[in-house]
């Protein structure tokens, strides 16, 4: 079986540099992975593109929560995509749903059109749809290049049957990129079990903050106070080990 392409999900410029150093084939650049990934700042995107030796894909997600966007939110997504075409970004990562749990085809087509010639991935909004097979056909009609999915379950191991099914349904029409708690111990099992050509994971570690003074009376953004003094980073050793496991024959 051909070794899969490996995409790393990272937060910020330091995460990008760590993933690139550790051997990622492509990166999905995000902010705020604690919320599942939001659109990073333009300065962060520019810094990544400047340093890049691999393709940079940028998530287009204006807020956390669901994928049912207001008209003004949708317009900001379209404008973000248009702005990134001039920045040397290789691809964007999108997802829009209707309230009944289906792909919003009108909006998805509009975002794909705004993105070209960049590559376009649908993110795990796909996993929140009512019917995976129906959603896949909708994405194909919209011209999406690939879909990121854990098989509509919390983890790829749990969703393996659906991953295999949608990968067979996709054929050569769209790429299925597997994700969902992939690590050195399970990534080859998921690769082989679903027959995947692309895989996606975030190898993260948490380290203590370097702050010496710590105010015990304030927690920012509704997080636990201890979270104010932790940093979540891309673990280059874990990236290397997981890539080696994924690409092993």
C-alpha atoms as a PDB file:
ATOM      1  CA  UNK A   1       0.000   0.000   0.000  1.00  0.00           C
ATOM      2  CA  UNK A   2       1.307   3.456  -0.928  1.00  0.00           C
ATOM      3  CA  UNK A   3       2.419   5.535   2.049  1.00  0.00           C
ATOM      4  CA  UNK A   4      -0.250   8.124   2.920  1.00  0.00           C
ATOM      5  CA  UNK A   5       0.168  11.863   2.779  1.00  0.00           C
ATOM      6  CA  UNK A   6       0.318  13.253   6.319  1.00  0.00           C
ATOM      7  CA  UNK A   7      -1.293  16.560   7.250  1.00  0.00           C
ATOM      8  CA  UNK A   8      -0.609  18.083  10.673  1.00  0.00           C
ATOM      9  CA  UNK A   9      -3.148  20.269  12.430  1.00  0.00           C
ATOM     10  CA  UNK A  10      -1.252  23.047  14.207  1.00  0.00           C
ATOM     11  CA  UNK A  11      -1.828  26.236  16.140  1.00  0.00           C
ATOM     12  CA  UNK A  12       0.167  29.334  15.263  1.00  0.00           C
ATOM     13  CA  UNK A  13       3.554  29.853  13.698  1.00  0.00           C
ATOM     14  CA  UNK A  14       5.501  27.841  16.272  1.00  0.00           C
ATOM     15  CA  UNK A  15       3.221  24.873  15.684  1.00  0.00           C
ATOM     16  CA  UNK A  16       3.721  25.190  11.953  1.00  0.00           C
ATOM     17  CA  UNK A  17       7.509  25.284  12.233  1.00  0.00           C
ATOM     18  CA  UNK A  18       7.521  22.268  14.561  1.00  0.00           C
ATOM     19  CA  UNK A  19       5.327  20.215  12.222  1.00  0.00           C
ATOM     20  CA  UNK A  20       7.408  21.119   9.189  1.00  0.00           C
ATOM     21  CA  UNK A  21      10.630  20.204  10.997  1.00  0.00           C
ATOM     22  CA  UNK A  22       9.160  16.868  12.085  1.00  0.00           C
ATOM     23  CA  UNK A  23       8.324  15.789   8.550  1.00  0.00           C
ATOM     24  CA  UNK A  24       4.697  16.716   7.861  1.00  0.00           C
ATOM     25  CA  UNK A  25       3.712  16.673   4.183  1.00  0.00           C
ATOM     26  CA  UNK A  26       1.174  19.476   4.642  1.00  0.00           C
ATOM     27  CA  UNK A  27      -0.170  21.626   7.472  1.00  0.00           C
ATOM     28  CA  UNK A  28      -3.613  22.866   8.433  1.00  0.00           C
ATOM     29  CA  UNK A  29      -2.915  26.201  10.135  1.00  0.00           C
ATOM     30  CA  UNK A  30      -5.325  27.233  12.886  1.00  0.00           C
ATOM     31  CA  UNK A  31      -5.753  29.413  15.915  1.00  0.00           C
ATOM     32  CA  UNK A  32      -7.477  28.229  19.113  1.00  0.00           C
ATOM     33  CA  UNK A  33      -7.329  24.460  18.812  1.00  0.00           C
ATOM     34  CA  UNK A  34      -9.118  24.342  22.182  1.00  0.00           C
ATOM     35  CA  UNK A  35     -12.211  25.349  20.176  1.00  0.00           C
ATOM     36  CA  UNK A  36     -11.489  22.957  17.338  1.00  0.00           C
ATOM     37  CA  UNK A  37      -9.585  25.514  15.273  1.00  0.00           C
ATOM     38  CA  UNK A  38     -10.380  29.066  14.196  1.00  0.00           C
ATOM     39  CA  UNK A  39      -9.021  31.278  11.415  1.00  0.00           C
ATOM     40  CA  UNK A  40      -5.526  32.509  12.369  1.00  0.00           C
ATOM     41  CA  UNK A  41      -4.381  36.098  12.008  1.00  0.00           C
ATOM     42  CA  UNK A  42      -3.147  37.389   8.666  1.00  0.00           C
ATOM     43  CA  UNK A  43       0.306  38.013  10.148  1.00  0.00           C
ATOM     44  CA  UNK A  44       0.495  34.381  11.314  1.00  0.00           C
ATOM     45  CA  UNK A  45      -0.541  33.153   7.873  1.00  0.00           C
ATOM     46  CA  UNK A  46       2.058  35.331   6.184  1.00  0.00           C
ATOM     47  CA  UNK A  47       4.797  34.126   8.532  1.00  0.00           C
ATOM     48  CA  UNK A  48       3.923  30.486   7.824  1.00  0.00           C
ATOM     49  CA  UNK A  49       3.834  30.970   4.057  1.00  0.00           C
ATOM     50  CA  UNK A  50       7.181  32.785   4.172  1.00  0.00           C
ATOM     51  CA  UNK A  51       8.796  29.929   6.098  1.00  0.00           C
ATOM     52  CA  UNK A  52       7.000  27.128   4.267  1.00  0.00           C
ATOM     53  CA  UNK A  53       8.659  24.302   2.395  1.00  0.00           C
ATOM     54  CA  UNK A  54       5.365  22.367   2.400  1.00  0.00           C
ATOM     55  CA  UNK A  55       1.793  23.392   1.474  1.00  0.00           C
ATOM     56  CA  UNK A  56      -0.060  25.568   3.979  1.00  0.00           C
ATOM     57  CA  UNK A  57      -3.824  25.097   4.257  1.00  0.00           C
ATOM     58  CA  UNK A  58      -5.712  27.608   6.412  1.00  0.00           C
ATOM     59  CA  UNK A  59      -8.945  26.949   8.265  1.00  0.00           C
ATOM     60  CA  UNK A  60     -11.732  29.409   7.505  1.00  0.00           C
ATOM     61  CA  UNK A  61     -13.856  29.345  10.648  1.00  0.00           C
ATOM     62  CA  UNK A  62     -14.869  32.658  12.222  1.00  0.00           C
ATOM     63  CA  UNK A  63     -15.997  31.267  15.585  1.00  0.00           C
ATOM     64  CA  UNK A  64     -16.356  28.121  17.636  1.00  0.00           C
ATOM     65  CA  UNK A  65     -19.572  26.181  17.996  1.00  0.00           C
ATOM     66  CA  UNK A  66     -21.788  24.919  15.192  1.00  0.00           C
ATOM     67  CA  UNK A  67     -21.438  25.312  11.432  1.00  0.00           C
ATOM     68  CA  UNK A  68     -24.718  27.137  10.867  1.00  0.00           C
ATOM     69  CA  UNK A  69     -23.500  30.618  10.016  1.00  0.00           C
ATOM     70  CA  UNK A  70     -25.280  33.941   9.817  1.00  0.00           C
ATOM     71  CA  UNK A  71     -25.153  35.873   6.568  1.00  0.00           C
ATOM     72  CA  UNK A  72     -22.583  38.286   7.955  1.00  0.00           C
ATOM     73  CA  UNK A  73     -20.406  35.420   9.205  1.00  0.00           C
ATOM     74  CA  UNK A  74     -20.583  33.773   5.792  1.00  0.00           C
ATOM     75  CA  UNK A  75     -19.550  37.008   4.103  1.00  0.00           C
ATOM     76  CA  UNK A  76     -16.476  37.273   6.353  1.00  0.00           C
ATOM     77  CA  UNK A  77     -15.531  33.706   5.433  1.00  0.00           C
ATOM     78  CA  UNK A  78     -15.794  34.483   1.737  1.00  0.00           C
ATOM     79  CA  UNK A  79     -13.755  37.669   2.186  1.00  0.00           C
ATOM     80  CA  UNK A  80     -11.076  35.821   4.185  1.00  0.00           C
ATOM     81  CA  UNK A  81     -10.763  33.287   1.373  1.00  0.00           C
ATOM     82  CA  UNK A  82     -10.486  35.996  -1.272  1.00  0.00           C
ATOM     83  CA  UNK A  83      -7.766  37.733   0.752  1.00  0.00           C
ATOM     84  CA  UNK A  84      -5.748  34.541   1.104  1.00  0.00           C
ATOM     85  CA  UNK A  85      -5.571  33.894  -2.624  1.00  0.00           C
ATOM     86  CA  UNK A  86      -2.987  36.676  -2.858  1.00  0.00           C
ATOM     87  CA  UNK A  87      -0.924  35.397   0.078  1.00  0.00           C
ATOM     88  CA  UNK A  88       0.532  32.240  -1.457  1.00  0.00           C
ATOM     89  CA  UNK A  89      -1.687  29.936   0.599  1.00  0.00           C
ATOM     90  CA  UNK A  90      -2.029  26.519  -1.001  1.00  0.00           C
ATOM     91  CA  UNK A  91      -5.481  25.692   0.296  1.00  0.00           C
ATOM     92  CA  UNK A  92      -8.375  26.545   2.576  1.00  0.00           C
ATOM     93  CA  UNK A  93     -10.465  24.397   4.896  1.00  0.00           C
ATOM     94  CA  UNK A  94     -14.197  25.133   5.120  1.00  0.00           C
ATOM     95  CA  UNK A  95     -17.555  23.744   6.210  1.00  0.00           C
ATOM     96  CA  UNK A  96     -21.119  25.087   6.142  1.00  0.00           C
ATOM     97  CA  UNK A  97     -24.261  23.197   7.193  1.00  0.00           C
ATOM     98  CA  UNK A  98     -27.982  23.756   7.052  1.00  0.00           C
ATOM     99  CA  UNK A  99     -30.064  23.571  10.221  1.00  0.00           C
ATOM    100  CA  UNK A 100     -31.294  20.061   9.339  1.00  0.00           C
ATOM    101  CA  UNK A 101     -27.748  18.660   9.316  1.00  0.00           C
ATOM    102  CA  UNK A 102     -26.951  18.699   5.616  1.00  0.00           C
ATOM    103  CA  UNK A 103     -24.218  20.349   3.555  1.00  0.00           C
ATOM    104  CA  UNK A 104     -25.182  23.916   2.642  1.00  0.00           C
ATOM    105  CA  UNK A 105     -24.492  23.484  -1.059  1.00  0.00           C
ATOM    106  CA  UNK A 106     -25.167  27.069  -2.111  1.00  0.00           C
ATOM    107  CA  UNK A 107     -22.687  28.485   0.380  1.00  0.00           C
ATOM    108  CA  UNK A 108     -20.144  25.721  -0.129  1.00  0.00           C
ATOM    109  CA  UNK A 109     -20.159  26.265  -3.893  1.00  0.00           C
ATOM    110  CA  UNK A 110     -19.707  30.007  -3.366  1.00  0.00           C
ATOM    111  CA  UNK A 111     -16.699  29.443  -1.093  1.00  0.00           C
ATOM    112  CA  UNK A 112     -15.140  26.962  -3.519  1.00  0.00           C
ATOM    113  CA  UNK A 113     -15.542  29.476  -6.323  1.00  0.00           C
ATOM    114  CA  UNK A 114     -13.955  32.210  -4.194  1.00  0.00           C
ATOM    115  CA  UNK A 115     -11.035  29.901  -3.359  1.00  0.00           C
ATOM    116  CA  UNK A 116      -9.892  28.752  -6.781  1.00  0.00           C
ATOM    117  CA  UNK A 117      -7.205  27.972  -7.775  1.00  0.00           C
ATOM    118  CA  UNK A 118      -6.475  27.044  -4.142  1.00  0.00           C
ATOM    119  CA  UNK A 119      -7.238  23.522  -2.946  1.00  0.00           C
ATOM    120  CA  UNK A 120     -10.396  23.203  -0.817  1.00  0.00           C
ATOM    121  CA  UNK A 121     -10.989  20.774   2.043  1.00  0.00           C
ATOM    122  CA  UNK A 122     -14.241  20.301   3.944  1.00  0.00           C
ATOM    123  CA  UNK A 123     -13.450  19.937   7.646  1.00  0.00           C
ATOM    124  CA  UNK A 124     -15.278  17.903  10.277  1.00  0.00           C
ATOM    125  CA  UNK A 125     -18.517  19.757   9.747  1.00  0.00           C
ATOM    126  CA  UNK A 126     -18.965  16.617   7.605  1.00  0.00           C
ATOM    127  CA  UNK A 127     -19.010  14.565  10.805  1.00  0.00           C
ATOM    128  CA  UNK A 128     -21.966  16.591  12.082  1.00  0.00           C
ATOM    129  CA  UNK A 129     -24.221  15.770   9.114  1.00  0.00           C
ATOM    130  CA  UNK A 130     -27.293  13.546   9.274  1.00  0.00           C
ATOM    131  CA  UNK A 131     -26.146  11.154   6.537  1.00  0.00           C
ATOM    132  CA  UNK A 132     -22.502  10.642   5.613  1.00  0.00           C
ATOM    133  CA  UNK A 133     -23.166   9.203   2.179  1.00  0.00           C
ATOM    134  CA  UNK A 134     -25.557  11.977   1.215  1.00  0.00           C
ATOM    135  CA  UNK A 135     -23.139  14.617   2.536  1.00  0.00           C
ATOM    136  CA  UNK A 136     -20.291  13.133   0.522  1.00  0.00           C
ATOM    137  CA  UNK A 137     -22.262  13.366  -2.707  1.00  0.00           C
ATOM    138  CA  UNK A 138     -23.141  16.988  -1.891  1.00  0.00           C
ATOM    139  CA  UNK A 139     -19.468  17.850  -1.408  1.00  0.00           C
ATOM    140  CA  UNK A 140     -18.590  16.203  -4.717  1.00  0.00           C
ATOM    141  CA  UNK A 141     -21.266  18.277  -6.442  1.00  0.00           C
ATOM    142  CA  UNK A 142     -19.765  21.398  -4.847  1.00  0.00           C
ATOM    143  CA  UNK A 143     -16.298  20.647  -6.235  1.00  0.00           C
ATOM    144  CA  UNK A 144     -14.588  20.009  -2.885  1.00  0.00           C
ATOM    145  CA  UNK A 145     -11.173  18.332  -3.225  1.00  0.00           C
ATOM    146  CA  UNK A 146     -11.093  16.396   0.052  1.00  0.00           C
ATOM    147  CA  UNK A 147     -13.067  15.835   3.223  1.00  0.00           C
ATOM    148  CA  UNK A 148     -11.619  15.493   6.716  1.00  0.00           C
ATOM    149  CA  UNK A 149     -13.508  12.939   8.762  1.00  0.00           C
ATOM    150  CA  UNK A 150     -13.309  10.619  11.745  1.00  0.00           C
ATOM    151  CA  UNK A 151     -16.183   8.540  10.374  1.00  0.00           C
ATOM    152  CA  UNK A 152     -18.785  10.577  12.282  1.00  0.00           C
ATOM    153  CA  UNK A 153     -17.488   9.326  15.626  1.00  0.00           C
ATOM    154  CA  UNK A 154     -15.227  10.855  18.285  1.00  0.00           C
ATOM    155  CA  UNK A 155     -12.269   8.786  17.097  1.00  0.00           C
ATOM    156  CA  UNK A 156     -11.226   7.198  13.833  1.00  0.00           C
ATOM    157  CA  UNK A 157     -11.032   3.802  15.536  1.00  0.00           C
ATOM    158  CA  UNK A 158     -14.700   4.079  16.520  1.00  0.00           C
ATOM    159  CA  UNK A 159     -15.632   5.415  13.079  1.00  0.00           C
ATOM    160  CA  UNK A 160     -13.547   2.948  11.076  1.00  0.00           C
ATOM    161  CA  UNK A 161     -16.496   1.225   9.397  1.00  0.00           C
ATOM    162  CA  UNK A 162     -17.945   4.529   8.179  1.00  0.00           C
ATOM    163  CA  UNK A 163     -14.491   5.740   7.104  1.00  0.00           C
ATOM    164  CA  UNK A 164     -14.062   2.613   4.994  1.00  0.00           C
ATOM    165  CA  UNK A 165     -17.556   2.956   3.542  1.00  0.00           C
ATOM    166  CA  UNK A 166     -17.208   6.610   2.520  1.00  0.00           C
ATOM    167  CA  UNK A 167     -13.717   6.004   1.135  1.00  0.00           C
ATOM    168  CA  UNK A 168     -15.113   3.270  -1.103  1.00  0.00           C
ATOM    169  CA  UNK A 169     -18.009   5.529  -2.101  1.00  0.00           C
ATOM    170  CA  UNK A 170     -15.612   8.381  -2.899  1.00  0.00           C
ATOM    171  CA  UNK A 171     -13.481   6.396  -5.338  1.00  0.00           C
ATOM    172  CA  UNK A 172     -11.387   8.829  -7.362  1.00  0.00           C
ATOM    173  CA  UNK A 173     -13.970  11.627  -7.117  1.00  0.00           C
ATOM    174  CA  UNK A 174     -12.837  13.144  -3.793  1.00  0.00           C
ATOM    175  CA  UNK A 175     -10.109  12.381  -1.247  1.00  0.00           C
ATOM    176  CA  UNK A 176     -11.097  11.026   2.173  1.00  0.00           C
ATOM    177  CA  UNK A 177      -8.624  12.237   4.809  1.00  0.00           C
ATOM    178  CA  UNK A 178      -8.920  10.317   8.052  1.00  0.00           C
ATOM    179  CA  UNK A 179      -8.573  11.894  11.489  1.00  0.00           C
ATOM    180  CA  UNK A 180      -9.747  11.480  15.060  1.00  0.00           C
ATOM    181  CA  UNK A 181      -7.342  10.793  17.954  1.00  0.00           C
ATOM    182  CA  UNK A 182      -4.773   9.205  15.665  1.00  0.00           C
ATOM    183  CA  UNK A 183      -1.458   8.340  17.283  1.00  0.00           C
ATOM    184  CA  UNK A 184       1.539   6.067  16.922  1.00  0.00           C
ATOM    185  CA  UNK A 185      -0.435   3.105  18.247  1.00  0.00           C
ATOM    186  CA  UNK A 186      -3.460   3.217  15.946  1.00  0.00           C
ATOM    187  CA  UNK A 187      -2.702   5.205  12.804  1.00  0.00           C
ATOM    188  CA  UNK A 188      -1.558   2.230  10.699  1.00  0.00           C
ATOM    189  CA  UNK A 189      -4.606   0.200  11.747  1.00  0.00           C
ATOM    190  CA  UNK A 190      -6.898   3.017  10.595  1.00  0.00           C
ATOM    191  CA  UNK A 191      -4.896   3.557   7.399  1.00  0.00           C
ATOM    192  CA  UNK A 192      -5.092  -0.114   6.429  1.00  0.00           C
ATOM    193  CA  UNK A 193      -8.634  -0.670   7.680  1.00  0.00           C
ATOM    194  CA  UNK A 194     -10.126   2.182   5.650  1.00  0.00           C
ATOM    195  CA  UNK A 195      -7.642   2.209   2.766  1.00  0.00           C
ATOM    196  CA  UNK A 196      -6.816   5.890   3.245  1.00  0.00           C
ATOM    197  CA  UNK A 197      -4.398   7.905   1.114  1.00  0.00           C
ATOM    198  CA  UNK A 198      -4.324  10.972   3.401  1.00  0.00           C
ATOM    199  CA  UNK A 199      -4.308  11.217   7.197  1.00  0.00           C
ATOM    200  CA  UNK A 200      -4.504  14.113   9.630  1.00  0.00           C
ATOM    201  CA  UNK A 201      -3.604  14.466  13.277  1.00  0.00           C
ATOM    202  CA  UNK A 202      -2.412  16.914  15.908  1.00  0.00           C
ATOM    203  CA  UNK A 203       0.396  15.638  18.124  1.00  0.00           C
ATOM    204  CA  UNK A 204       0.158  17.995  21.084  1.00  0.00           C
ATOM    205  CA  UNK A 205       1.825  18.242  24.464  1.00  0.00           C
ATOM    206  CA  UNK A 206       1.139  20.566  27.377  1.00  0.00           C
ATOM    207  CA  UNK A 207       3.968  22.305  29.204  1.00  0.00           C
ATOM    208  CA  UNK A 208       3.991  24.749  32.115  1.00  0.00           C
ATOM    209  CA  UNK A 209       4.009  28.471  31.406  1.00  0.00           C
ATOM    210  CA  UNK A 210       7.214  30.407  31.987  1.00  0.00           C
ATOM    211  CA  UNK A 211       5.313  32.973  34.060  1.00  0.00           C
ATOM    212  CA  UNK A 212       6.737  33.411  37.556  1.00  0.00           C
ATOM    213  CA  UNK A 213       4.003  35.726  38.827  1.00  0.00           C
ATOM    214  CA  UNK A 214       0.570  34.077  38.742  1.00  0.00           C
ATOM    215  CA  UNK A 215      -2.562  35.937  39.792  1.00  0.00           C
ATOM    216  CA  UNK A 216      -4.785  33.374  41.584  1.00  0.00           C
ATOM    217  CA  UNK A 217      -7.875  35.597  41.366  1.00  0.00           C
ATOM    218  CA  UNK A 218      -8.322  35.855  37.569  1.00  0.00           C
ATOM    219  CA  UNK A 219      -9.066  33.336  34.814  1.00  0.00           C
ATOM    220  CA  UNK A 220      -9.247  34.647  31.263  1.00  0.00           C
ATOM    221  CA  UNK A 221     -11.970  33.677  28.803  1.00  0.00           C
ATOM    222  CA  UNK A 222     -13.858  31.391  31.145  1.00  0.00           C
ATOM    223  CA  UNK A 223     -11.059  28.818  31.308  1.00  0.00           C
ATOM    224  CA  UNK A 224      -9.830  27.127  34.452  1.00  0.00           C
ATOM    225  CA  UNK A 225      -7.292  29.329  36.227  1.00  0.00           C
ATOM    226  CA  UNK A 226      -4.606  26.667  35.890  1.00  0.00           C
ATOM    227  CA  UNK A 227      -5.084  26.749  32.110  1.00  0.00           C
ATOM    228  CA  UNK A 228      -3.765  30.321  32.097  1.00  0.00           C
ATOM    229  CA  UNK A 229      -0.362  28.909  32.967  1.00  0.00           C
ATOM    230  CA  UNK A 230      -0.138  26.055  30.485  1.00  0.00           C
ATOM    231  CA  UNK A 231       1.039  26.038  26.868  1.00  0.00           C
ATOM    232  CA  UNK A 232      -0.109  23.489  24.291  1.00  0.00           C
ATOM    233  CA  UNK A 233       2.581  22.804  21.695  1.00  0.00           C
ATOM    234  CA  UNK A 234       3.178  20.484  18.743  1.00  0.00           C
ATOM    235  CA  UNK A 235       5.297  17.570  19.955  1.00  0.00           C
ATOM    236  CA  UNK A 236       7.913  17.004  17.246  1.00  0.00           C
ATOM    237  CA  UNK A 237       8.971  13.610  18.612  1.00  0.00           C
ATOM    238  CA  UNK A 238       5.360  12.383  18.588  1.00  0.00           C
ATOM    239  CA  UNK A 239       4.898  13.745  15.059  1.00  0.00           C
ATOM    240  CA  UNK A 240       7.946  11.878  13.784  1.00  0.00           C
ATOM    241  CA  UNK A 241       6.929   8.625  15.473  1.00  0.00           C
ATOM    242  CA  UNK A 242       3.336   8.814  14.227  1.00  0.00           C
ATOM    243  CA  UNK A 243       4.393   9.626  10.675  1.00  0.00           C
ATOM    244  CA  UNK A 244       6.799   6.678  10.717  1.00  0.00           C
ATOM    245  CA  UNK A 245       4.005   4.408  11.948  1.00  0.00           C
ATOM    246  CA  UNK A 246       1.586   5.694   9.297  1.00  0.00           C
ATOM    247  CA  UNK A 247       4.042   5.243   6.447  1.00  0.00           C
ATOM    248  CA  UNK A 248       5.354   1.877   7.540  1.00  0.00           C
ATOM    249  CA  UNK A 249       4.591  -1.052   5.244  1.00  0.00           C
END
